[in-house]
PDB file of N, CA and C in Angstrom:
ATOM      1  N   MET A   1       0.962  -1.174  -0.118  1.00  0.00           N
ATOM      2  CA  MET A   1       0.023  -0.096   0.002  1.00  0.00           C
ATOM      3  C   MET A   1       0.787   1.156   0.118  1.00  0.00           C
ATOM      4  N   LEU A   2       1.794   1.459   0.686  1.00  0.00           N
ATOM      5  CA  LEU A   2       2.701   2.395   0.809  1.00  0.00           C
ATOM      6  C   LEU A   2       3.659   2.443  -0.472  1.00  0.00           C
ATOM      7  N   VAL A   3       3.793   1.614  -0.805  1.00  0.00           N
ATOM      8  CA  VAL A   3       4.680   1.560  -2.022  1.00  0.00           C
ATOM      9  C   VAL A   3       3.717   2.190  -3.156  1.00  0.00           C
ATOM     10  N   MET A   4       2.667   1.677  -3.428  1.00  0.00           N
ATOM     11  CA  MET A   4       1.708   2.461  -4.414  1.00  0.00           C
ATOM     12  C   MET A   4       1.399   3.826  -4.298  1.00  0.00           C
ATOM     13  N   ILE A   5       1.381   4.164  -3.065  1.00  0.00           N
ATOM     14  CA  ILE A   5       1.223   5.736  -2.558  1.00  0.00           C
ATOM     15  C   ILE A   5       2.719   6.493  -3.278  1.00  0.00           C
ATOM     16  N   MET A   6       3.682   5.869  -2.979  1.00  0.00           N
ATOM     17  CA  MET A   6       4.900   6.362  -3.377  1.00  0.00           C
ATOM     18  C   MET A   6       5.046   6.311  -4.713  1.00  0.00           C
ATOM     19  N   GLU A   7       4.665   5.455  -5.266  1.00  0.00           N
ATOM     20  CA  GLU A   7       4.768   5.568  -6.858  1.00  0.00           C
ATOM     21  C   GLU A   7       4.111   6.413  -7.173  1.00  0.00           C
ATOM     22  N   THR A   8       2.724   6.640  -7.096  1.00  0.00           N
ATOM     23  CA  THR A   8       1.828   7.478  -7.476  1.00  0.00           C
ATOM     24  C   THR A   8       2.241   8.806  -7.209  1.00  0.00           C
ATOM     25  N   GLY A   9       2.728   9.202  -5.858  1.00  0.00           N
ATOM     26  CA  GLY A   9       3.368  10.527  -5.875  1.00  0.00           C
ATOM     27  C   GLY A   9       4.726  10.822  -6.510  1.00  0.00           C
ATOM     28  N   LEU A  10       5.253   9.737  -6.897  1.00  0.00           N
ATOM     29  CA  LEU A  10       6.579   9.772  -7.695  1.00  0.00           C
ATOM     30  C   LEU A  10       5.988  10.287  -9.171  1.00  0.00           C
ATOM     31  N   SER A  11       5.101   9.403  -9.701  1.00  0.00           N
ATOM     32  CA  SER A  11       4.436   9.902 -10.992  1.00  0.00           C
ATOM     33  C   SER A  11       3.773  11.238 -10.965  1.00  0.00           C
ATOM     34  N   CYS A  12       3.272  11.822  -9.983  1.00  0.00           N
ATOM     35  CA  CYS A  12       2.576  12.786 -10.265  1.00  0.00           C
ATOM     36  C   CYS A  12       3.547  14.107 -10.190  1.00  0.00           C
ATOM     37  N   SER A  13       4.611  13.908  -9.275  1.00  0.00           N
ATOM     38  CA  SER A  13       5.853  14.817  -9.260  1.00  0.00           C
ATOM     39  C   SER A  13       6.364  14.915 -10.478  1.00  0.00           C
ATOM     40  N   ARG A  14       6.624  13.710 -11.228  1.00  0.00           N
ATOM     41  CA  ARG A  14       7.036  13.727 -12.599  1.00  0.00           C
ATOM     42  C   ARG A  14       6.358  14.457 -13.579  1.00  0.00           C
ATOM     43  N   LYS A  15       5.099  14.120 -13.600  1.00  0.00           N
ATOM     44  CA  LYS A  15       4.189  14.851 -14.306  1.00  0.00           C
ATOM     45  C   LYS A  15       3.921  16.063 -14.072  1.00  0.00           C
ATOM     46  N   SER A  16       3.442  16.265 -13.052  1.00  0.00           N
ATOM     47  CA  SER A  16       3.105  17.823 -12.555  1.00  0.00           C
ATOM     48  C   SER A  16       3.684  18.296 -10.971  1.00  0.00           C
ATOM     49  N   PRO A  17       4.835  18.711 -10.990  1.00  0.00           N
ATOM     50  CA  PRO A  17       5.490  18.959  -9.594  1.00  0.00           C
ATOM     51  C   PRO A  17       4.500  19.945  -8.758  1.00  0.00           C
ATOM     52  N   THR A  18       4.078  21.039  -9.550  1.00  0.00           N
ATOM     53  CA  THR A  18       3.090  22.060  -8.911  1.00  0.00           C
ATOM     54  C   THR A  18       1.847  21.398  -8.292  1.00  0.00           C
ATOM     55  N   GLU A  19       1.355  20.304  -8.774  1.00  0.00           N
ATOM     56  CA  GLU A  19       0.294  19.332  -8.396  1.00  0.00           C
ATOM     57  C   GLU A  19       0.757  18.796  -6.969  1.00  0.00           C
ATOM     58  N   ARG A  20       1.925  18.150  -7.081  1.00  0.00           N
ATOM     59  CA  ARG A  20       2.396  17.390  -5.833  1.00  0.00           C
ATOM     60  C   ARG A  20       2.554  18.364  -4.700  1.00  0.00           C
ATOM     61  N   MET A  21       3.043  19.430  -5.020  1.00  0.00           N
ATOM     62  CA  MET A  21       3.444  20.594  -3.930  1.00  0.00           C
ATOM     63  C   MET A  21       1.976  20.938  -3.419  1.00  0.00           C
ATOM     64  N   ASP A  22       0.946  21.195  -4.237  1.00  0.00           N
ATOM     65  CA  ASP A  22      -0.202  21.563  -3.668  1.00  0.00           C
ATOM     66  C   ASP A  22      -0.867  20.717  -2.716  1.00  0.00           C
ATOM     67  N   MET A  23      -0.568  19.524  -3.038  1.00  0.00           N
ATOM     68  CA  MET A  23      -1.023  18.127  -2.350  1.00  0.00           C
ATOM     69  C   MET A  23      -0.332  18.219  -0.892  1.00  0.00           C
ATOM     70  N   LYS A  24       1.111  18.267  -0.907  1.00  0.00           N
ATOM     71  CA  LYS A  24       1.833  18.329   0.510  1.00  0.00           C
ATOM     72  C   LYS A  24       1.657  19.520   1.137  1.00  0.00           C
ATOM     73  N   GLU A  25       1.239  20.789   0.602  1.00  0.00           N
ATOM     74  CA  GLU A  25       0.691  21.718   1.285  1.00  0.00           C
ATOM     75  C   GLU A  25      -0.635  21.528   1.900  1.00  0.00           C
TER      76      GLU A  25
END
């Protein structure tokens, strides 16, 4: 489960880093 979330986050950060930052905030 954690691996999936991490992989999804990596893919999102690679696709749109701005979106990932928005999620982190």
